[in-house]
């Protein structure tokens, strides 16, 4: 078998594309995932409040370890909020980018 024949085999397109109407229950799944996302955002708000409290408490009591951990917690919460808020856009961006690969 020649190299060109192997390349042709690798370039086979199976023709599979996302289909919104393919399975029942898609609307329920979207609602569940949206609720999980909202739960995560609410949990991040609570964790941010606790982290900010630890940061402030460590600062005013001279607890350098607590202050450092509070700062890390605030940064992690900010990143988590960013990712949770942008999850739909990030997935849509890379899904669209993936459709352009040929």
Protein backbone atom coordinates (compact mmCIF):
# COMPACT_ATOMS: atom_id res chain seq x y z
CA UNK A 1 0.00 0.00 0.00
CA UNK A 2 1.41 3.37 -1.00
CA UNK A 3 1.67 6.39 1.31
CA UNK A 4 -0.94 8.29 -0.72
CA UNK A 5 -3.46 5.49 -0.12
CA UNK A 6 -2.86 5.70 3.64
CA UNK A 7 -3.40 9.47 3.59
CA UNK A 8 -6.69 9.01 1.73
CA UNK A 9 -7.82 6.57 4.43
CA UNK A 10 -6.96 9.07 7.16
CA UNK A 11 -8.95 11.79 5.41
CA UNK A 12 -12.23 9.84 5.51
CA UNK A 13 -15.11 12.02 6.75
CA UNK A 14 -17.69 10.01 8.74
CA UNK A 15 -20.22 12.86 8.32
CA UNK A 16 -21.28 13.08 11.97
CA UNK A 17 -22.61 16.46 13.08
CA UNK A 18 -24.40 17.58 16.27
CA UNK A 19 -28.15 17.07 15.98
CA UNK A 20 -30.42 18.86 18.47
CA UNK A 21 -33.46 16.70 17.80
CA UNK A 22 -31.68 13.36 17.95
CA UNK A 23 -32.56 12.22 21.48
CA UNK A 24 -35.48 12.92 23.77
CA UNK A 25 -34.84 14.82 26.97
CA UNK A 26 -32.42 17.38 25.58
CA UNK A 27 -34.36 20.29 27.07
CA UNK A 28 -34.33 18.60 30.49
CA UNK A 29 -30.57 18.02 30.23
CA UNK A 30 -30.03 21.69 29.34
CA UNK A 31 -32.06 22.73 32.39
CA UNK A 32 -30.13 20.39 34.68
CA UNK A 33 -26.75 21.61 33.41
CA UNK A 34 -27.90 25.23 33.72
CA UNK A 35 -28.96 24.56 37.31
CA UNK A 36 -25.61 22.93 38.10
CA UNK A 37 -23.86 25.98 36.64
CA UNK A 38 -25.99 28.31 38.78
CA UNK A 39 -25.28 26.19 41.87
CA UNK A 40 -21.55 26.47 41.13
CA UNK A 41 -21.77 30.26 40.79
CA UNK A 42 -23.63 30.54 44.10
CA UNK A 43 -21.05 28.29 45.79
CA UNK A 44 -18.26 30.51 44.41
CA UNK A 45 -19.93 33.59 45.91
CA UNK A 46 -19.92 31.90 49.32
CA UNK A 47 -16.33 30.74 48.94
CA UNK A 48 -15.29 34.24 47.87
CA UNK A 49 -16.88 35.73 50.98
CA UNK A 50 -15.11 33.21 53.21
CA UNK A 51 -11.77 33.74 51.45
CA UNK A 52 -12.06 37.50 51.73
CA UNK A 53 -12.85 37.11 55.44
CA UNK A 54 -9.80 34.88 55.95
CA UNK A 55 -7.66 37.37 54.05
CA UNK A 56 -8.89 40.30 56.16
CA UNK A 57 -8.65 38.34 59.40
CA UNK A 58 -5.11 37.23 58.62
CA UNK A 59 -4.11 40.76 57.75
CA UNK A 60 -5.45 42.33 60.95
CA UNK A 61 -4.20 39.59 63.29
CA UNK A 62 -0.76 39.27 61.73
CA UNK A 63 -1.40 35.73 60.52
CA UNK A 64 0.67 35.73 57.36
CA UNK A 65 -0.27 32.17 56.42
CA UNK A 66 -3.99 32.92 56.75
CA UNK A 67 -3.56 36.12 54.76
CA UNK A 68 -1.75 34.27 51.97
CA UNK A 69 -4.38 31.52 51.92
CA UNK A 70 -7.15 34.11 51.80
CA UNK A 71 -5.51 35.79 48.81
CA UNK A 72 -5.18 32.45 47.02
CA UNK A 73 -8.81 31.67 47.78
CA UNK A 74 -9.97 34.98 46.33
CA UNK A 75 -7.95 34.40 43.15
CA UNK A 76 -9.24 30.84 42.76
CA UNK A 77 -12.83 32.04 43.27
CA UNK A 78 -12.37 34.77 40.68
CA UNK A 79 -11.02 32.26 38.16
CA UNK A 80 -13.83 29.80 38.94
CA UNK A 81 -16.44 32.54 38.47
CA UNK A 82 -14.84 33.50 35.17
CA UNK A 83 -14.89 29.91 33.91
CA UNK A 84 -18.44 29.22 35.11
CA UNK A 85 -19.73 32.40 33.52
CA UNK A 86 -17.89 31.81 30.27
CA UNK A 87 -18.47 28.05 30.05
CA UNK A 88 -21.09 28.25 27.31
CA UNK A 89 -19.03 30.69 25.24
CA UNK A 90 -15.80 28.72 25.66
CA UNK A 91 -17.44 25.47 24.56
CA UNK A 92 -19.17 27.20 21.64
CA UNK A 93 -15.91 28.84 20.56
CA UNK A 94 -13.90 25.63 20.54
CA UNK A 95 -16.76 23.65 18.99
CA UNK A 96 -16.92 26.16 16.14
CA UNK A 97 -13.14 26.08 15.88
CA UNK A 98 -13.27 22.28 15.72
CA UNK A 99 -15.69 22.32 12.81
CA UNK A 100 -13.12 24.25 10.77
CA UNK A 101 -10.51 21.49 11.03
CA UNK A 102 -10.31 19.53 7.80
